Amino acid sequence: MPTTKHLLPSPSPDLDYLLERVRTLRMNSKGTLTRSGYRRDFEHYRNFCLIRGLVAVPASESTICLYLAHCSTRLRVATIARRMAAIADGLKSSGHDATSLRSFLVQETWKGIKRTLGVATHGRAPLLASAIREIAMACPDTLLGRRDRSLILTGYCGGFRRSELGSLQLKDLSTHEGNIVIHLKRSKNDPEAKGRTVVLVPGERKEFCPVHAMREWIDAACLTKGAIYRGVDRYGNVSACLNPDSIPRILKRAAARAGFPSSDVARIAAHSLRAGLVTQSSLNGVSPLTVAEITGHRTLSVVKRYCRVAEAIGAATKLAASL
């Protein structure tokens, strides 16, 4: 009786390439900022366990509960939720399951944290049009000042996130009837890179015009390709790109330069530009749907939250005027 010979497939010459491709695709399953944030959070969890002689991986439900109790003494609910997501991701990446995070004991601890700390969001202070004008006016007539003015006006008028501002490239720009058209390839809530288009329209006054400010910065920095916004040192040297994490510091420094009180400067972040556009648009009577089309919000819930802030500002302003 003839025997059937089972032959193993011969090694494929492109197997190494495919394995590397798999690693790359796995890396691209999350955004760069998400990956770096998860990495920092998981390292914090591991250090917590190391100091106290606990086993971090695999994670027991008691270890997770102790870590959550530790976090509840110093962090907000949203930050703790991100830490939990990072732990789950770290466990799975190391070949372990994350079922301990879904256990009854951990879930009850998590519910207790939310009831104790509250789940209200603490958004950054929105910068309205009047504040943007003050900050833009205070930017000096230097290379650094031109960069700051363009960054702030573009971030505000385009409703950009800091990651979007940091990733803008010269090749993403085009012009149409005096406007600057920005083709944003990817954003935080667009992981599949469907993209969106943002139009910067010339302002009535040159000193507050995002189109003029961007062209002035590009010309002054002699940019021909690559990133639009870049680091500038004290000697006027321009770097190849700008770390998005430095944008909050740039904005705080610009606000301090404009004479904002230190208490107000402390509440400013990069998101203050995006939040300011949404709030100011609501004050000006722009519908939430139109605002969402500009900013790229996928749902109206966040936009409506800023609309409620705008309504409160409007009501308080009318009340003060009636006194």
C-alpha atoms as a PDB file:
ATOM      1  CA  MET A   1       0.000   0.000   0.000  1.00  0.00           C
ATOM      2  CA  PRO A   2       1.551   3.311  -1.021  1.00  0.00           C
ATOM      3  CA  THR A   3       2.257   5.776   1.764  1.00  0.00           C
ATOM      4  CA  THR A   4       1.387   9.457   1.580  1.00  0.00           C
ATOM      5  CA  LYS A   5       4.311  11.686   2.314  1.00  0.00           C
ATOM      6  CA  HIS A   6       3.459  14.897   4.178  1.00  0.00           C
ATOM      7  CA  LEU A   7       5.877  17.556   3.035  1.00  0.00           C
ATOM      8  CA  LEU A   8       6.505  20.725   5.011  1.00  0.00           C
ATOM      9  CA  PRO A   9       6.345  23.882   2.906  1.00  0.00           C
ATOM     10  CA  SER A  10       9.757  25.203   2.030  1.00  0.00           C
ATOM     11  CA  PRO A  11      10.726  28.449   3.759  1.00  0.00           C
ATOM     12  CA  SER A  12       9.411  31.427   1.845  1.00  0.00           C
ATOM     13  CA  PRO A  13      12.052  33.997   0.888  1.00  0.00           C
ATOM     14  CA  ASP A  14       9.740  36.856   1.861  1.00  0.00           C
ATOM     15  CA  LEU A  15       8.767  35.407   5.257  1.00  0.00           C
ATOM     16  CA  ASP A  16      11.025  37.810   7.179  1.00  0.00           C
ATOM     17  CA  TYR A  17       9.494  40.704   5.283  1.00  0.00           C
ATOM     18  CA  LEU A  18       5.967  39.526   6.130  1.00  0.00           C
ATOM     19  CA  LEU A  19       6.838  39.097   9.806  1.00  0.00           C
ATOM     20  CA  GLU A  20       8.218  42.628   9.889  1.00  0.00           C
ATOM     21  CA  ARG A  21       5.099  43.799   8.065  1.00  0.00           C
ATOM     22  CA  VAL A  22       2.923  42.196  10.752  1.00  0.00           C
ATOM     23  CA  ARG A  23       4.882  44.030  13.462  1.00  0.00           C
ATOM     24  CA  THR A  24       4.472  47.317  11.601  1.00  0.00           C
ATOM     25  CA  LEU A  25       0.728  46.821  11.137  1.00  0.00           C
ATOM     26  CA  ARG A  26       0.315  45.996  14.826  1.00  0.00           C
ATOM     27  CA  MET A  27       2.183  49.201  15.693  1.00  0.00           C
ATOM     28  CA  ASN A  28      -0.124  51.180  13.395  1.00  0.00           C
ATOM     29  CA  SER A  29      -3.235  49.806  15.091  1.00  0.00           C
ATOM     30  CA  LYS A  30      -2.859  52.687  17.562  1.00  0.00           C
ATOM     31  CA  GLY A  31      -1.769  56.277  17.153  1.00  0.00           C
ATOM     32  CA  THR A  32       1.724  57.399  18.118  1.00  0.00           C
ATOM     33  CA  LEU A  33       0.534  59.409  21.125  1.00  0.00           C
ATOM     34  CA  THR A  34      -1.667  56.522  22.296  1.00  0.00           C
ATOM     35  CA  ARG A  35       1.237  54.070  22.098  1.00  0.00           C
ATOM     36  CA  SER A  36       3.607  56.350  24.003  1.00  0.00           C
ATOM     37  CA  GLY A  37       0.925  57.105  26.609  1.00  0.00           C
ATOM     38  CA  TYR A  38       0.163  53.416  27.132  1.00  0.00           C
ATOM     39  CA  ARG A  39       3.881  52.677  27.433  1.00  0.00           C
ATOM     40  CA  ARG A  40       4.339  55.318  30.155  1.00  0.00           C
ATOM     41  CA  ASP A  41       1.238  54.197  32.032  1.00  0.00           C
ATOM     42  CA  PHE A  42       2.210  50.530  31.975  1.00  0.00           C
ATOM     43  CA  GLU A  43       5.704  51.388  33.168  1.00  0.00           C
ATOM     44  CA  HIS A  44       4.162  53.318  36.073  1.00  0.00           C
ATOM     45  CA  TYR A  45       2.139  50.234  36.993  1.00  0.00           C
ATOM     46  CA  ARG A  46       5.220  47.998  36.822  1.00  0.00           C
ATOM     47  CA  ASN A  47       7.221  50.381  39.024  1.00  0.00           C
ATOM     48  CA  PHE A  48       4.386  50.460  41.558  1.00  0.00           C
ATOM     49  CA  CYS A  49       4.502  46.666  41.771  1.00  0.00           C
ATOM     50  CA  LEU A  50       8.313  46.506  41.845  1.00  0.00           C
ATOM     51  CA  ILE A  51       8.593  48.909  44.794  1.00  0.00           C
ATOM     52  CA  ARG A  52       6.024  46.952  46.814  1.00  0.00           C
ATOM     53  CA  GLY A  53       7.184  43.472  45.924  1.00  0.00           C
ATOM     54  CA  LEU A  54       4.090  42.653  43.885  1.00  0.00           C
ATOM     55  CA  VAL A  55       3.958  40.585  40.699  1.00  0.00           C
ATOM     56  CA  ALA A  56       2.995  42.871  37.825  1.00  0.00           C
ATOM     57  CA  VAL A  57       2.718  40.267  35.047  1.00  0.00           C
ATOM     58  CA  PRO A  58       0.570  38.212  35.129  1.00  0.00           C
ATOM     59  CA  ALA A  59      -1.675  40.529  37.130  1.00  0.00           C
ATOM     60  CA  SER A  60      -3.896  39.275  39.925  1.00  0.00           C
ATOM     61  CA  GLU A  61      -7.126  41.056  40.767  1.00  0.00           C
ATOM     62  CA  SER A  62      -5.780  42.004  44.211  1.00  0.00           C
ATOM     63  CA  THR A  63      -2.721  43.669  42.641  1.00  0.00           C
ATOM     64  CA  ILE A  64      -4.918  45.606  40.236  1.00  0.00           C
ATOM     65  CA  CYS A  65      -7.164  46.757  43.096  1.00  0.00           C
ATOM     66  CA  LEU A  66      -4.174  47.946  45.136  1.00  0.00           C
ATOM     67  CA  TYR A  67      -2.890  49.904  42.155  1.00  0.00           C
ATOM     68  CA  LEU A  68      -6.308  51.486  41.521  1.00  0.00           C
ATOM     69  CA  ALA A  69      -6.538  52.487  45.191  1.00  0.00           C
ATOM     70  CA  HIS A  70      -3.112  54.105  44.874  1.00  0.00           C
ATOM     71  CA  CYS A  71      -4.147  56.013  41.740  1.00  0.00           C
ATOM     72  CA  SER A  72      -7.394  57.195  43.357  1.00  0.00           C
ATOM     73  CA  THR A  73      -5.425  59.290  45.855  1.00  0.00           C
ATOM     74  CA  ARG A  74      -3.857  61.513  43.193  1.00  0.00           C
ATOM     75  CA  LEU A  75      -5.474  61.086  39.766  1.00  0.00           C
ATOM     76  CA  ARG A  76      -8.777  61.926  38.106  1.00  0.00           C
ATOM     77  CA  VAL A  77     -11.206  59.261  36.927  1.00  0.00           C
ATOM     78  CA  ALA A  78     -10.385  59.759  33.242  1.00  0.00           C
ATOM     79  CA  THR A  79      -6.674  59.275  33.903  1.00  0.00           C
ATOM     80  CA  ILE A  80      -7.285  56.119  35.939  1.00  0.00           C
ATOM     81  CA  ALA A  81      -9.468  54.744  33.127  1.00  0.00           C
ATOM     82  CA  ARG A  82      -6.587  55.313  30.709  1.00  0.00           C
ATOM     83  CA  ARG A  83      -4.216  53.524  33.120  1.00  0.00           C
ATOM     84  CA  MET A  84      -6.564  50.518  33.172  1.00  0.00           C
ATOM     85  CA  ALA A  85      -6.637  50.431  29.373  1.00  0.00           C
ATOM     86  CA  ALA A  86      -2.834  50.617  29.303  1.00  0.00           C
ATOM     87  CA  ILE A  87      -2.525  47.710  31.746  1.00  0.00           C
ATOM     88  CA  ALA A  88      -4.896  45.592  29.650  1.00  0.00           C
ATOM     89  CA  ASP A  89      -2.895  46.418  26.517  1.00  0.00           C
ATOM     90  CA  GLY A  90       0.420  45.668  28.236  1.00  0.00           C
ATOM     91  CA  LEU A  91      -0.781  42.326  29.562  1.00  0.00           C
ATOM     92  CA  LYS A  92      -2.076  41.218  26.172  1.00  0.00           C
ATOM     93  CA  SER A  93       1.092  42.376  24.419  1.00  0.00           C
ATOM     94  CA  SER A  94       3.181  40.239  26.777  1.00  0.00           C
ATOM     95  CA  GLY A  95       1.094  37.156  26.057  1.00  0.00           C
ATOM     96  CA  HIS A  96      -1.125  37.199  29.152  1.00  0.00           C
ATOM     97  CA  ASP A  97      -4.868  37.683  29.398  1.00  0.00           C
ATOM     98  CA  ALA A  98      -6.486  40.702  31.052  1.00  0.00           C
ATOM     99  CA  THR A  99      -9.420  38.893  32.672  1.00  0.00           C
ATOM    100  CA  SER A 100      -8.406  40.152  36.132  1.00  0.00           C
ATOM    101  CA  LEU A 101      -9.455  43.656  35.053  1.00  0.00           C
ATOM    102  CA  ARG A 102     -12.984  42.371  34.453  1.00  0.00           C
ATOM    103  CA  SER A 103     -13.274  40.518  37.764  1.00  0.00           C
ATOM    104  CA  PHE A 104     -15.987  41.357  40.280  1.00  0.00           C
ATOM    105  CA  LEU A 105     -13.498  42.717  42.837  1.00  0.00           C
ATOM    106  CA  VAL A 106     -11.809  45.059  40.343  1.00  0.00           C
ATOM    107  CA  GLN A 107     -15.105  46.284  38.874  1.00  0.00           C
ATOM    108  CA  GLU A 108     -16.508  47.025  42.342  1.00  0.00           C
ATOM    109  CA  THR A 109     -13.327  48.946  43.205  1.00  0.00           C
ATOM    110  CA  TRP A 110     -13.651  50.878  39.938  1.00  0.00           C
ATOM    111  CA  LYS A 111     -17.285  51.748  40.674  1.00  0.00           C
ATOM    112  CA  GLY A 112     -16.257  52.967  44.104  1.00  0.00           C
ATOM    113  CA  ILE A 113     -13.589  55.216  42.598  1.00  0.00           C
ATOM    114  CA  LYS A 114     -16.105  56.790  40.223  1.00  0.00           C
ATOM    115  CA  ARG A 115     -18.614  57.376  43.012  1.00  0.00           C
ATOM    116  CA  THR A 116     -15.943  58.821  45.280  1.00  0.00           C
ATOM    117  CA  LEU A 117     -14.147  61.062  42.808  1.00  0.00           C
ATOM    118  CA  GLY A 118     -17.008  61.844  40.436  1.00  0.00           C
ATOM    119  CA  VAL A 119     -16.895  61.512  36.680  1.00  0.00           C
ATOM    120  CA  ALA A 120     -17.298  65.158  35.676  1.00  0.00           C
ATOM    121  CA  THR A 121     -14.856  66.180  32.947  1.00  0.00           C
ATOM    122  CA  HIS A 122     -12.397  68.999  33.559  1.00  0.00           C
ATOM    123  CA  GLY A 123     -11.795  70.634  30.208  1.00  0.00           C
ATOM    124  CA  ARG A 124      -9.104  73.207  29.596  1.00  0.00           C
ATOM    125  CA  ALA A 125      -9.989  76.883  29.615  1.00  0.00           C
ATOM    126  CA  PRO A 126     -11.191  77.899  26.125  1.00  0.00           C
ATOM    127  CA  LEU A 127      -9.452  80.891  24.566  1.00  0.00           C
ATOM    128  CA  LEU A 128     -12.063  83.139  22.967  1.00  0.00           C
ATOM    129  CA  ALA A 129     -11.446  85.543  20.088  1.00  0.00           C
ATOM    130  CA  SER A 130     -10.557  88.494  22.337  1.00  0.00           C
ATOM    131  CA  ALA A 131      -7.865  86.449  24.099  1.00  0.00           C
ATOM    132  CA  ILE A 132      -6.480  85.167  20.793  1.00  0.00           C
ATOM    133  CA  ARG A 133      -6.177  88.755  19.546  1.00  0.00           C
ATOM    134  CA  GLU A 134      -4.255  89.781  22.678  1.00  0.00           C
ATOM    135  CA  ILE A 135      -1.884  86.845  22.410  1.00  0.00           C
ATOM    136  CA  ALA A 136      -1.285  87.376  18.669  1.00  0.00           C
ATOM    137  CA  MET A 137      -0.582  91.081  19.184  1.00  0.00           C
ATOM    138  CA  ALA A 138       2.004  90.298  21.873  1.00  0.00           C
ATOM    139  CA  CYS A 139       4.031  87.978  19.612  1.00  0.00           C
ATOM    140  CA  PRO A 140       7.307  89.784  18.781  1.00  0.00           C
ATOM    141  CA  ASP A 141       8.393  90.582  15.244  1.00  0.00           C
ATOM    142  CA  THR A 142      11.048  87.854  15.286  1.00  0.00           C
ATOM    143  CA  LEU A 143      11.321  84.419  13.710  1.00  0.00           C
ATOM    144  CA  LEU A 144      10.107  82.839  16.948  1.00  0.00           C
ATOM    145  CA  GLY A 145       7.277  85.366  17.231  1.00  0.00           C
ATOM    146  CA  ARG A 146       6.147  84.710  13.670  1.00  0.00           C
ATOM    147  CA  ARG A 147       6.124  80.975  14.352  1.00  0.00           C
ATOM    148  CA  ASP A 148       4.093  81.444  17.536  1.00  0.00           C
ATOM    149  CA  ARG A 149       1.592  83.811  15.894  1.00  0.00           C
ATOM    150  CA  SER A 150       0.992  81.473  12.961  1.00  0.00           C
ATOM    151  CA  LEU A 151       0.753  78.394  15.177  1.00  0.00           C
ATOM    152  CA  ILE A 152      -1.805  80.049  17.460  1.00  0.00           C
ATOM    153  CA  LEU A 153      -3.963  81.586  14.720  1.00  0.00           C
ATOM    154  CA  THR A 154      -3.925  78.380  12.650  1.00  0.00           C
ATOM    155  CA  GLY A 155      -4.699  76.233  15.689  1.00  0.00           C
ATOM    156  CA  TYR A 156      -7.602  78.473  16.661  1.00  0.00           C
ATOM    157  CA  CYS A 157      -9.131  79.193  13.233  1.00  0.00           C
ATOM    158  CA  GLY A 158      -8.767  75.577  12.098  1.00  0.00           C
ATOM    159  CA  GLY A 159      -9.864  74.023  15.394  1.00  0.00           C
ATOM    160  CA  PHE A 160      -6.829  71.742  15.293  1.00  0.00           C
ATOM    161  CA  ARG A 161      -5.669  69.286  17.929  1.00  0.00           C
ATOM    162  CA  ARG A 162      -2.024  69.579  18.968  1.00  0.00           C
ATOM    163  CA  SER A 163      -1.149  66.302  17.228  1.00  0.00           C
ATOM    164  CA  GLU A 164      -2.682  67.661  14.017  1.00  0.00           C
ATOM    165  CA  LEU A 165      -0.763  70.936  14.274  1.00  0.00           C
ATOM    166  CA  GLY A 166       2.488  69.090  14.836  1.00  0.00           C
ATOM    167  CA  SER A 167       1.948  66.829  11.827  1.00  0.00           C
ATOM    168  CA  LEU A 168       1.046  69.522   9.239  1.00  0.00           C
ATOM    169  CA  GLN A 169       3.267  69.359   6.153  1.00  0.00           C
ATOM    170  CA  LEU A 170       3.869  71.875   3.392  1.00  0.00           C
ATOM    171  CA  LYS A 171       2.646  69.312   0.868  1.00  0.00           C
ATOM    172  CA  ASP A 172      -0.717  69.330   2.689  1.00  0.00           C
ATOM    173  CA  LEU A 173      -1.319  72.961   1.636  1.00  0.00           C
ATOM    174  CA  SER A 174      -2.961  74.367  -1.455  1.00  0.00           C
ATOM    175  CA  THR A 175      -4.521  77.729  -2.265  1.00  0.00           C
ATOM    176  CA  HIS A 176      -7.930  78.610  -3.608  1.00  0.00           C
ATOM    177  CA  GLU A 177      -9.138  82.175  -4.214  1.00  0.00           C
ATOM    178  CA  GLY A 178      -6.834  83.582  -1.546  1.00  0.00           C
ATOM    179  CA  ASN A 179      -7.677  80.910   1.014  1.00  0.00           C
ATOM    180  CA  ILE A 180      -5.264  78.278   2.323  1.00  0.00           C
ATOM    181  CA  VAL A 181      -6.712  74.788   1.997  1.00  0.00           C
ATOM    182  CA  ILE A 182      -5.230  72.216   4.383  1.00  0.00           C
ATOM    183  CA  HIS A 183      -5.696  68.542   3.546  1.00  0.00           C
ATOM    184  CA  LEU A 184      -5.451  66.802   6.895  1.00  0.00           C
ATOM    185  CA  LYS A 185      -4.616  63.162   6.231  1.00  0.00           C
ATOM    186  CA  ARG A 186      -5.146  61.703   9.699  1.00  0.00           C
ATOM    187  CA  SER A 187      -6.423  62.752  13.102  1.00  0.00           C
ATOM    188  CA  LYS A 188      -7.180  61.290  16.517  1.00  0.00           C
ATOM    189  CA  ASN A 189     -10.711  60.149  15.661  1.00  0.00           C
ATOM    190  CA  ASP A 190      -9.787  59.128  12.110  1.00  0.00           C
ATOM    191  CA  PRO A 191      -7.607  56.015  12.539  1.00  0.00           C
ATOM    192  CA  GLU A 192      -8.315  54.816   8.996  1.00  0.00           C
ATOM    193  CA  ALA A 193      -6.970  58.071   7.524  1.00  0.00           C
ATOM    194  CA  LYS A 194     -10.091  59.118   5.639  1.00  0.00           C
ATOM    195  CA  GLY A 195      -8.887  62.682   6.114  1.00  0.00           C
ATOM    196  CA  ARG A 196     -10.655  66.023   6.233  1.00  0.00           C
ATOM    197  CA  THR A 197     -10.211  69.422   4.637  1.00  0.00           C
ATOM    198  CA  VAL A 198      -9.794  72.633   6.638  1.00  0.00           C
ATOM    199  CA  VAL A 199      -9.935  76.059   4.996  1.00  0.00           C
ATOM    200  CA  LEU A 200      -8.165  79.104   6.450  1.00  0.00           C
ATOM    201  CA  VAL A 201      -9.868  82.292   5.272  1.00  0.00           C
ATOM    202  CA  PRO A 202      -8.092  85.695   5.271  1.00  0.00           C
ATOM    203  CA  GLY A 203      -9.056  87.906   8.192  1.00  0.00           C
ATOM    204  CA  GLU A 204     -10.111  91.529   8.005  1.00  0.00           C
ATOM    205  CA  ARG A 205      -7.014  92.683   9.920  1.00  0.00           C
ATOM    206  CA  LYS A 206      -3.553  91.522   8.863  1.00  0.00           C
ATOM    207  CA  GLU A 207      -2.284  91.089  12.412  1.00  0.00           C
ATOM    208  CA  PHE A 208      -5.028  88.530  13.161  1.00  0.00           C
ATOM    209  CA  CYS A 209      -5.123  86.854   9.746  1.00  0.00           C
ATOM    210  CA  PRO A 210      -4.169  83.153   9.824  1.00  0.00           C
ATOM    211  CA  VAL A 211      -3.399  83.146   6.085  1.00  0.00           C
ATOM    212  CA  HIS A 212      -1.012  86.110   6.319  1.00  0.00           C
ATOM    213  CA  ALA A 213       0.608  84.728   9.494  1.00  0.00           C
ATOM    214  CA  MET A 214       1.296  81.326   7.934  1.00  0.00           C
ATOM    215  CA  ARG A 215       2.758  82.780   4.757  1.00  0.00           C
ATOM    216  CA  GLU A 216       4.896  85.183   6.772  1.00  0.00           C
ATOM    217  CA  TRP A 217       6.268  82.325   8.896  1.00  0.00           C
ATOM    218  CA  ILE A 218       6.964  80.057   5.913  1.00  0.00           C
ATOM    219  CA  ASP A 219       8.799  82.850   4.079  1.00  0.00           C
ATOM    220  CA  ALA A 220      10.780  83.940   7.147  1.00  0.00           C
ATOM    221  CA  ALA A 221      11.881  80.366   7.912  1.00  0.00           C
ATOM    222  CA  CYS A 222      12.640  79.688   4.210  1.00  0.00           C
ATOM    223  CA  LEU A 223      10.582  76.503   4.245  1.00  0.00           C
ATOM    224  CA  THR A 224      10.220  74.591   1.001  1.00  0.00           C
ATOM    225  CA  LYS A 225       9.245  71.105   2.177  1.00  0.00           C
ATOM    226  CA  GLY A 226       8.626  69.051   5.279  1.00  0.00           C
ATOM    227  CA  ALA A 227       6.860  70.136   8.456  1.00  0.00           C
ATOM    228  CA  ILE A 228       5.208  73.542   8.645  1.00  0.00           C
ATOM    229  CA  TYR A 229       5.696  74.152  12.354  1.00  0.00           C
ATOM    230  CA  ARG A 230       9.170  73.600  13.757  1.00  0.00           C
ATOM    231  CA  GLY A 231      11.277  74.331  16.768  1.00  0.00           C
ATOM    232  CA  VAL A 232      13.217  77.611  16.871  1.00  0.00           C
ATOM    233  CA  ASP A 233      16.101  78.022  19.312  1.00  0.00           C
ATOM    234  CA  ARG A 234      17.299  81.280  20.857  1.00  0.00           C
ATOM    235  CA  TYR A 235      19.837  81.730  18.061  1.00  0.00           C
ATOM    236  CA  GLY A 236      17.146  81.548  15.372  1.00  0.00           C
ATOM    237  CA  ASN A 237      18.016  78.050  14.191  1.00  0.00           C
ATOM    238  CA  VAL A 238      15.014  76.171  12.800  1.00  0.00           C
ATOM    239  CA  SER A 239      14.690  72.431  13.478  1.00  0.00           C
ATOM    240  CA  ALA A 240      13.201  69.803  11.182  1.00  0.00           C
ATOM    241  CA  CYS A 241       9.928  69.452  13.096  1.00  0.00           C
ATOM    242  CA  LEU A 242       8.044  70.411  16.251  1.00  0.00           C
ATOM    243  CA  ASN A 243       7.205  67.978  19.026  1.00  0.00           C
ATOM    244  CA  PRO A 244       3.425  68.287  19.653  1.00  0.00           C
ATOM    245  CA  ASP A 245       4.112  68.065  23.397  1.00  0.00           C
ATOM    246  CA  SER A 246       5.844  71.460  23.205  1.00  0.00           C
ATOM    247  CA  ILE A 247       2.739  73.242  21.878  1.00  0.00           C
ATOM    248  CA  PRO A 248       1.165  73.748  25.348  1.00  0.00           C
ATOM    249  CA  ARG A 249       4.406  75.369  26.549  1.00  0.00           C
ATOM    250  CA  ILE A 250       4.491  77.639  23.496  1.00  0.00           C
ATOM    251  CA  LEU A 251       0.906  78.731  24.133  1.00  0.00           C
ATOM    252  CA  LYS A 252       1.464  79.314  27.854  1.00  0.00           C
ATOM    253  CA  ARG A 253       4.568  81.371  27.121  1.00  0.00           C
ATOM    254  CA  ALA A 254       2.675  83.444  24.553  1.00  0.00           C
ATOM    255  CA  ALA A 255      -0.186  84.062  27.007  1.00  0.00           C
ATOM    256  CA  ALA A 256       2.271  85.132  29.723  1.00  0.00           C
ATOM    257  CA  ARG A 257       3.928  87.453  27.192  1.00  0.00           C
ATOM    258  CA  ALA A 258       0.508  89.029  26.597  1.00  0.00           C
ATOM    259  CA  GLY A 259       0.178  89.785  30.326  1.00  0.00           C
ATOM    260  CA  PHE A 260      -2.290  87.055  31.302  1.00  0.00           C
ATOM    261  CA  PRO A 261      -2.393  86.377  35.063  1.00  0.00           C
ATOM    262  CA  SER A 262      -0.405  83.309  36.137  1.00  0.00           C
ATOM    263  CA  SER A 263      -3.610  81.612  37.346  1.00  0.00           C
ATOM    264  CA  ASP A 264      -5.093  81.918  33.839  1.00  0.00           C
ATOM    265  CA  VAL A 265      -1.867  80.786  32.162  1.00  0.00           C
ATOM    266  CA  ALA A 266      -1.864  77.626  34.305  1.00  0.00           C
ATOM    267  CA  ARG A 267      -5.307  76.635  32.952  1.00  0.00           C
ATOM    268  CA  ILE A 268      -4.271  77.019  29.304  1.00  0.00           C
ATOM    269  CA  ALA A 269      -3.364  73.996  27.191  1.00  0.00           C
ATOM    270  CA  ALA A 270      -3.121  73.252  23.475  1.00  0.00           C
ATOM    271  CA  HIS A 271      -6.774  72.181  23.566  1.00  0.00           C
ATOM    272  CA  SER A 272      -7.693  75.738  24.609  1.00  0.00           C
ATOM    273  CA  LEU A 273      -7.431  76.744  20.933  1.00  0.00           C
ATOM    274  CA  ARG A 274      -9.849  74.078  19.723  1.00  0.00           C
ATOM    275  CA  ALA A 275     -12.177  74.586  22.687  1.00  0.00           C
ATOM    276  CA  GLY A 276     -12.064  78.346  22.111  1.00  0.00           C
ATOM    277  CA  LEU A 277     -13.152  78.032  18.486  1.00  0.00           C
ATOM    278  CA  VAL A 278     -16.107  75.822  19.417  1.00  0.00           C
ATOM    279  CA  THR A 279     -17.189  78.088  22.284  1.00  0.00           C
ATOM    280  CA  GLN A 280     -16.772  81.310  20.273  1.00  0.00           C
ATOM    281  CA  SER A 281     -18.668  79.818  17.324  1.00  0.00           C
ATOM    282  CA  SER A 282     -21.572  78.975  19.626  1.00  0.00           C
ATOM    283  CA  LEU A 283     -21.538  82.498  21.040  1.00  0.00           C
ATOM    284  CA  ASN A 284     -21.700  83.793  17.450  1.00  0.00           C
ATOM    285  CA  GLY A 285     -24.761  81.636  16.718  1.00  0.00           C
ATOM    286  CA  VAL A 286     -23.081  78.959  14.594  1.00  0.00           C
ATOM    287  CA  SER A 287     -24.937  75.637  14.760  1.00  0.00           C
ATOM    288  CA  PRO A 288     -23.267  72.645  16.460  1.00  0.00           C
ATOM    289  CA  LEU A 289     -23.448  70.655  13.225  1.00  0.00           C
ATOM    290  CA  THR A 290     -21.518  73.316  11.303  1.00  0.00           C
ATOM    291  CA  VAL A 291     -18.932  73.531  14.085  1.00  0.00           C
ATOM    292  CA  ALA A 292     -18.477  69.745  14.019  1.00  0.00           C
ATOM    293  CA  GLU A 293     -17.875  69.885  10.258  1.00  0.00           C
ATOM    294  CA  ILE A 294     -15.066  72.402  10.834  1.00  0.00           C
ATOM    295  CA  THR A 295     -13.418  70.622  13.761  1.00  0.00           C
ATOM    296  CA  GLY A 296     -13.985  67.053  12.614  1.00  0.00           C
ATOM    297  CA  HIS A 297     -15.904  65.964  15.717  1.00  0.00           C
ATOM    298  CA  ARG A 298     -17.609  62.648  14.941  1.00  0.00           C
ATOM    299  CA  THR A 299     -20.387  63.202  17.485  1.00  0.00           C
ATOM    300  CA  LEU A 300     -22.157  66.336  18.644  1.00  0.00           C
ATOM    301  CA  SER A 301     -21.990  65.531  22.369  1.00  0.00           C
ATOM    302  CA  VAL A 302     -18.630  67.282  22.917  1.00  0.00           C
ATOM    303  CA  VAL A 303     -19.626  70.237  20.745  1.00  0.00           C
ATOM    304  CA  LYS A 304     -22.876  70.654  22.665  1.00  0.00           C
ATOM    305  CA  ARG A 305     -20.956  70.670  25.945  1.00  0.00           C
ATOM    306  CA  TYR A 306     -19.068  73.752  24.766  1.00  0.00           C
ATOM    307  CA  CYS A 307     -22.327  75.210  23.501  1.00  0.00           C
ATOM    308  CA  ARG A 308     -23.673  75.011  27.064  1.00  0.00           C
ATOM    309  CA  VAL A 309     -20.573  76.860  28.252  1.00  0.00           C
ATOM    310  CA  ALA A 310     -21.209  79.524  25.607  1.00  0.00           C
ATOM    311  CA  GLU A 311     -24.842  79.833  26.713  1.00  0.00           C
ATOM    312  CA  ALA A 312     -23.705  80.314  30.305  1.00  0.00           C
ATOM    313  CA  ILE A 313     -21.224  82.997  29.217  1.00  0.00           C
ATOM    314  CA  GLY A 314     -23.908  84.758  27.189  1.00  0.00           C
ATOM    315  CA  ALA A 315     -26.413  84.669  30.031  1.00  0.00           C
ATOM    316  CA  ALA A 316     -23.845  85.970  32.540  1.00  0.00           C
ATOM    317  CA  THR A 317     -22.844  88.769  30.156  1.00  0.00           C
ATOM    318  CA  LYS A 318     -26.471  89.880  29.716  1.00  0.00           C
ATOM    319  CA  LEU A 319     -27.055  89.736  33.458  1.00  0.00           C
ATOM    320  CA  ALA A 320     -23.966  91.851  34.168  1.00  0.00           C
ATOM    321  CA  ALA A 321     -25.050  94.391  31.520  1.00  0.00           C
ATOM    322  CA  SER A 322     -28.466  94.738  33.151  1.00  0.00           C
ATOM    323  CA  LEU A 323     -27.063  95.716  36.544  1.00  0.00           C
END
